[in-house]
PDB file of N, CA and C in Angstrom:
ATOM      1  N   MET A   1     -40.152  27.606 -49.200  1.00  0.00           N
ATOM      2  CA  MET A   1     -40.911  26.441 -49.609  1.00  0.00           C
ATOM      3  C   MET A   1     -40.213  25.707 -50.757  1.00  0.00           C
ATOM      4  N   ASN A   2     -39.588  26.432 -51.663  1.00  0.00           N
ATOM      5  CA  ASN A   2     -38.913  25.787 -52.784  1.00  0.00           C
ATOM      6  C   ASN A   2     -37.737  24.944 -52.330  1.00  0.00           C
ATOM      7  N   ILE A   3     -37.001  25.422 -51.318  1.00  0.00           N
ATOM      8  CA  ILE A   3     -35.853  24.649 -50.850  1.00  0.00           C
ATOM      9  C   ILE A   3     -36.304  23.352 -50.180  1.00  0.00           C
ATOM     10  N   SER A   4     -37.456  23.383 -49.523  1.00  0.00           N
ATOM     11  CA  SER A   4     -37.949  22.151 -48.887  1.00  0.00           C
ATOM     12  C   SER A   4     -38.329  21.117 -49.949  1.00  0.00           C
ATOM     13  N   PHE A   5     -38.918  21.541 -51.049  1.00  0.00           N
ATOM     14  CA  PHE A   5     -39.222  20.610 -52.137  1.00  0.00           C
ATOM     15  C   PHE A   5     -37.931  20.010 -52.694  1.00  0.00           C
ATOM     16  N   PHE A   6     -36.911  20.831 -52.839  1.00  0.00           N
ATOM     17  CA  PHE A   6     -35.630  20.360 -53.353  1.00  0.00           C
ATOM     18  C   PHE A   6     -35.018  19.324 -52.413  1.00  0.00           C
ATOM     19  N   ILE A   7     -35.060  19.578 -51.117  1.00  0.00           N
ATOM     20  CA  ILE A   7     -34.486  18.644 -50.141  1.00  0.00           C
ATOM     21  C   ILE A   7     -35.277  17.341 -50.111  1.00  0.00           C
ATOM     22  N   ILE A   8     -36.583  17.437 -50.097  1.00  0.00           N
ATOM     23  CA  ILE A   8     -37.412  16.222 -50.092  1.00  0.00           C
ATOM     24  C   ILE A   8     -37.199  15.418 -51.368  1.00  0.00           C
ATOM     25  N   GLY A   9     -37.125  16.092 -52.491  1.00  0.00           N
ATOM     26  CA  GLY A   9     -36.855  15.400 -53.753  1.00  0.00           C
ATOM     27  C   GLY A   9     -35.494  14.737 -53.745  1.00  0.00           C
ATOM     28  N   GLY A  10     -34.496  15.393 -53.162  1.00  0.00           N
ATOM     29  CA  GLY A  10     -33.159  14.806 -53.064  1.00  0.00           C
ATOM     30  C   GLY A  10     -33.144  13.567 -52.193  1.00  0.00           C
ATOM     31  N   VAL A  11     -33.882  13.614 -51.095  1.00  0.00           N
ATOM     32  CA  VAL A  11     -33.955  12.447 -50.205  1.00  0.00           C
ATOM     33  C   VAL A  11     -34.654  11.285 -50.910  1.00  0.00           C
ATOM     34  N   ILE A  12     -35.732  11.569 -51.598  1.00  0.00           N
ATOM     35  CA  ILE A  12     -36.441  10.513 -52.334  1.00  0.00           C
ATOM     36  C   ILE A  12     -35.549   9.934 -53.430  1.00  0.00           C
ATOM     37  N   PHE A  13     -34.840  10.796 -54.155  1.00  0.00           N
ATOM     38  CA  PHE A  13     -33.962  10.317 -55.220  1.00  0.00           C
ATOM     39  C   PHE A  13     -32.815   9.488 -54.658  1.00  0.00           C
ATOM     40  N   ALA A  14     -32.213   9.943 -53.556  1.00  0.00           N
ATOM     41  CA  ALA A  14     -31.114   9.192 -52.949  1.00  0.00           C
ATOM     42  C   ALA A  14     -31.588   7.823 -52.463  1.00  0.00           C
ATOM     43  N   THR A  15     -32.773   7.778 -51.876  1.00  0.00           N
ATOM     44  CA  THR A  15     -33.334   6.498 -51.433  1.00  0.00           C
ATOM     45  C   THR A  15     -33.586   5.585 -52.624  1.00  0.00           C
ATOM     46  N   TYR A  16     -34.124   6.137 -53.688  1.00  0.00           N
ATOM     47  CA  TYR A  16     -34.384   5.362 -54.903  1.00  0.00           C
ATOM     48  C   TYR A  16     -33.089   4.782 -55.475  1.00  0.00           C
ATOM     49  N   MET A  17     -32.044   5.615 -55.537  1.00  0.00           N
ATOM     50  CA  MET A  17     -30.773   5.145 -56.081  1.00  0.00           C
ATOM     51  C   MET A  17     -30.154   4.056 -55.194  1.00  0.00           C
ATOM     52  N   PHE A  18     -30.215   4.239 -53.880  1.00  0.00           N
ATOM     53  CA  PHE A  18     -29.690   3.229 -52.960  1.00  0.00           C
ATOM     54  C   PHE A  18     -30.398   1.904 -53.154  1.00  0.00           C
ATOM     55  N   LEU A  19     -31.725   1.937 -53.186  1.00  0.00           N
ATOM     56  CA  LEU A  19     -32.482   0.695 -53.338  1.00  0.00           C
ATOM     57  C   LEU A  19     -32.262   0.056 -54.708  1.00  0.00           C
ATOM     58  N   THR A  20     -32.059   0.876 -55.731  1.00  0.00           N
ATOM     59  CA  THR A  20     -31.779   0.334 -57.062  1.00  0.00           C
ATOM     60  C   THR A  20     -30.453  -0.420 -57.081  1.00  0.00           C
ATOM     61  N   PHE A  21     -29.403   0.195 -56.537  1.00  0.00           N
ATOM     62  CA  PHE A  21     -28.103  -0.474 -56.493  1.00  0.00           C
ATOM     63  C   PHE A  21     -28.129  -1.690 -55.576  1.00  0.00           C
ATOM     64  N   TYR A  22     -28.838  -1.592 -54.458  1.00  0.00           N
ATOM     65  CA  TYR A  22     -28.971  -2.743 -53.567  1.00  0.00           C
ATOM     66  C   TYR A  22     -29.622  -3.907 -54.309  1.00  0.00           C
ATOM     67  N   ASN A  23     -30.678  -3.622 -55.053  1.00  0.00           N
ATOM     68  CA  ASN A  23     -31.380  -4.664 -55.802  1.00  0.00           C
ATOM     69  C   ASN A  23     -30.474  -5.285 -56.861  1.00  0.00           C
ATOM     70  N   ILE A  24     -29.689  -4.478 -57.541  1.00  0.00           N
ATOM     71  CA  ILE A  24     -28.783  -4.990 -58.576  1.00  0.00           C
ATOM     72  C   ILE A  24     -27.763  -5.938 -57.965  1.00  0.00           C
ATOM     73  N   PHE A  25     -27.118  -5.516 -56.884  1.00  0.00           N
ATOM     74  CA  PHE A  25     -26.074  -6.348 -56.283  1.00  0.00           C
ATOM     75  C   PHE A  25     -26.658  -7.584 -55.603  1.00  0.00           C
ATOM     76  N   TYR A  26     -27.815  -7.445 -54.968  1.00  0.00           N
ATOM     77  CA  TYR A  26     -28.455  -8.589 -54.329  1.00  0.00           C
ATOM     78  C   TYR A  26     -28.881  -9.624 -55.372  1.00  0.00           C
ATOM     79  N   SER A  27     -29.466  -9.167 -56.469  1.00  0.00           N
ATOM     80  CA  SER A  27     -29.904 -10.080 -57.526  1.00  0.00           C
ATOM     81  C   SER A  27     -28.715 -10.774 -58.177  1.00  0.00           C
ATOM     82  N   ASN A  28     -27.626 -10.039 -58.361  1.00  0.00           N
ATOM     83  CA  ASN A  28     -26.424 -10.615 -58.944  1.00  0.00           C
ATOM     84  C   ASN A  28     -25.874 -11.717 -58.052  1.00  0.00           C
ATOM     85  N   LYS A  29     -25.836 -11.465 -56.742  1.00  0.00           N
ATOM     86  CA  LYS A  29     -25.335 -12.459 -55.798  1.00  0.00           C
ATOM     87  C   LYS A  29     -26.215 -13.703 -55.805  1.00  0.00           C
ATOM     88  N   LYS A  30     -27.526 -13.514 -55.769  1.00  0.00           N
ATOM     89  CA  LYS A  30     -28.445 -14.649 -55.776  1.00  0.00           C
ATOM     90  C   LYS A  30     -28.350 -15.446 -57.074  1.00  0.00           C
ATOM     91  N   GLN A  31     -28.186 -14.752 -58.190  1.00  0.00           N
ATOM     92  CA  GLN A  31     -28.082 -15.438 -59.466  1.00  0.00           C
ATOM     93  C   GLN A  31     -26.828 -16.298 -59.515  1.00  0.00           C
ATOM     94  N   LYS A  32     -25.717 -15.786 -59.005  1.00  0.00           N
ATOM     95  CA  LYS A  32     -24.493 -16.581 -58.966  1.00  0.00           C
ATOM     96  C   LYS A  32     -24.666 -17.801 -58.075  1.00  0.00           C
ATOM     97  N   GLU A  33     -25.328 -17.628 -56.933  1.00  0.00           N
ATOM     98  CA  GLU A  33     -25.535 -18.760 -56.028  1.00  0.00           C
ATOM     99  C   GLU A  33     -26.424 -19.826 -56.665  1.00  0.00           C
ATOM    100  N   GLU A  34     -27.437 -19.423 -57.409  1.00  0.00           N
ATOM    101  CA  GLU A  34     -28.357 -20.382 -57.996  1.00  0.00           C
ATOM    102  C   GLU A  34     -27.770 -21.062 -59.230  1.00  0.00           C
ATOM    103  N   ASN A  35     -27.042 -20.316 -60.051  1.00  0.00           N
ATOM    104  CA  ASN A  35     -26.537 -20.877 -61.300  1.00  0.00           C
ATOM    105  C   ASN A  35     -25.193 -21.570 -61.150  1.00  0.00           C
ATOM    106  N   TYR A  36     -24.378 -21.121 -60.200  1.00  0.00           N
ATOM    107  CA  TYR A  36     -23.054 -21.698 -60.002  1.00  0.00           C
ATOM    108  C   TYR A  36     -22.853 -21.985 -58.517  1.00  0.00           C
ATOM    109  N   PRO A  37     -23.540 -22.992 -57.977  1.00  0.00           N
ATOM    110  CA  PRO A  37     -23.476 -23.213 -56.529  1.00  0.00           C
ATOM    111  C   PRO A  37     -22.099 -23.637 -56.029  1.00  0.00           C
ATOM    112  N   ASN A  38     -21.281 -24.241 -56.879  1.00  0.00           N
ATOM    113  CA  ASN A  38     -19.972 -24.726 -56.446  1.00  0.00           C
ATOM    114  C   ASN A  38     -18.835 -23.876 -56.993  1.00  0.00           C
ATOM    115  N   LEU A  39     -19.102 -22.651 -57.396  1.00  0.00           N
ATOM    116  CA  LEU A  39     -18.093 -21.819 -58.031  1.00  0.00           C
ATOM    117  C   LEU A  39     -16.912 -21.574 -57.111  1.00  0.00           C
ATOM    118  N   ASN A  40     -17.138 -21.142 -55.880  1.00  0.00           N
ATOM    119  CA  ASN A  40     -16.037 -20.871 -54.967  1.00  0.00           C
ATOM    120  C   ASN A  40     -15.261 -22.138 -54.629  1.00  0.00           C
ATOM    121  N   GLN A  41     -15.957 -23.248 -54.462  1.00  0.00           N
ATOM    122  CA  GLN A  41     -15.292 -24.508 -54.161  1.00  0.00           C
ATOM    123  C   GLN A  41     -14.406 -24.929 -55.332  1.00  0.00           C
ATOM    124  N   ASN A  42     -14.910 -24.799 -56.561  1.00  0.00           N
ATOM    125  CA  ASN A  42     -14.130 -25.169 -57.732  1.00  0.00           C
ATOM    126  C   ASN A  42     -12.921 -24.256 -57.903  1.00  0.00           C
ATOM    127  N   LEU A  43     -13.071 -22.969 -57.639  1.00  0.00           N
ATOM    128  CA  LEU A  43     -11.950 -22.046 -57.756  1.00  0.00           C
ATOM    129  C   LEU A  43     -10.873 -22.371 -56.739  1.00  0.00           C
ATOM    130  N   ASN A  44     -11.276 -22.714 -55.522  1.00  0.00           N
ATOM    131  CA  ASN A  44     -10.302 -23.070 -54.498  1.00  0.00           C
ATOM    132  C   ASN A  44      -9.552 -24.343 -54.867  1.00  0.00           C
ATOM    133  N   GLU A  45     -10.253 -25.312 -55.448  1.00  0.00           N
ATOM    134  CA  GLU A  45      -9.602 -26.552 -55.868  1.00  0.00           C
ATOM    135  C   GLU A  45      -8.607 -26.280 -56.996  1.00  0.00           C
ATOM    136  N   GLU A  46      -8.962 -25.416 -57.942  1.00  0.00           N
ATOM    137  CA  GLU A  46      -8.050 -25.063 -59.030  1.00  0.00           C
ATOM    138  C   GLU A  46      -6.785 -24.396 -58.508  1.00  0.00           C
ATOM    139  N   GLU A  47      -6.940 -23.504 -57.536  1.00  0.00           N
ATOM    140  CA  GLU A  47      -5.783 -22.813 -56.981  1.00  0.00           C
ATOM    141  C   GLU A  47      -4.868 -23.788 -56.250  1.00  0.00           C
ATOM    142  N   ASN A  48      -5.445 -24.786 -55.597  1.00  0.00           N
ATOM    143  CA  ASN A  48      -4.631 -25.750 -54.857  1.00  0.00           C
ATOM    144  C   ASN A  48      -3.895 -26.705 -55.790  1.00  0.00           C
ATOM    145  N   ARG A  49      -4.418 -26.954 -56.975  1.00  0.00           N
ATOM    146  CA  ARG A  49      -3.782 -27.874 -57.925  1.00  0.00           C
ATOM    147  C   ARG A  49      -2.580 -27.243 -58.627  1.00  0.00           C
ATOM    148  N   GLN A  50      -2.650 -25.957 -58.872  1.00  0.00           N
ATOM    149  CA  GLN A  50      -1.583 -25.309 -59.619  1.00  0.00           C
ATOM    150  C   GLN A  50      -0.325 -25.170 -58.771  1.00  0.00           C
ATOM    151  N   PRO A  51       0.839 -25.522 -59.341  1.00  0.00           N
ATOM    152  CA  PRO A  51       2.079 -25.365 -58.577  1.00  0.00           C
ATOM    153  C   PRO A  51       2.412 -23.894 -58.376  1.00  0.00           C
ATOM    154  N   LYS A  52       2.944 -23.601 -57.215  1.00  0.00           N
ATOM    155  CA  LYS A  52       3.266 -22.211 -56.915  1.00  0.00           C
ATOM    156  C   LYS A  52       4.761 -21.984 -56.951  1.00  0.00           C
TER     157      LYS A  52
END
């Protein structure tokens, strides 16, 4: 019975950690899209202007 509690707790903890990291990365992506909507476009324009 003790090993089953350990396994269930591990599954719950792993799920919690996955969802926590998913939320962090998803929120970061959304924040960049909302605050800097033209960031990728501006970076591409800068790269094209610089002589290679």
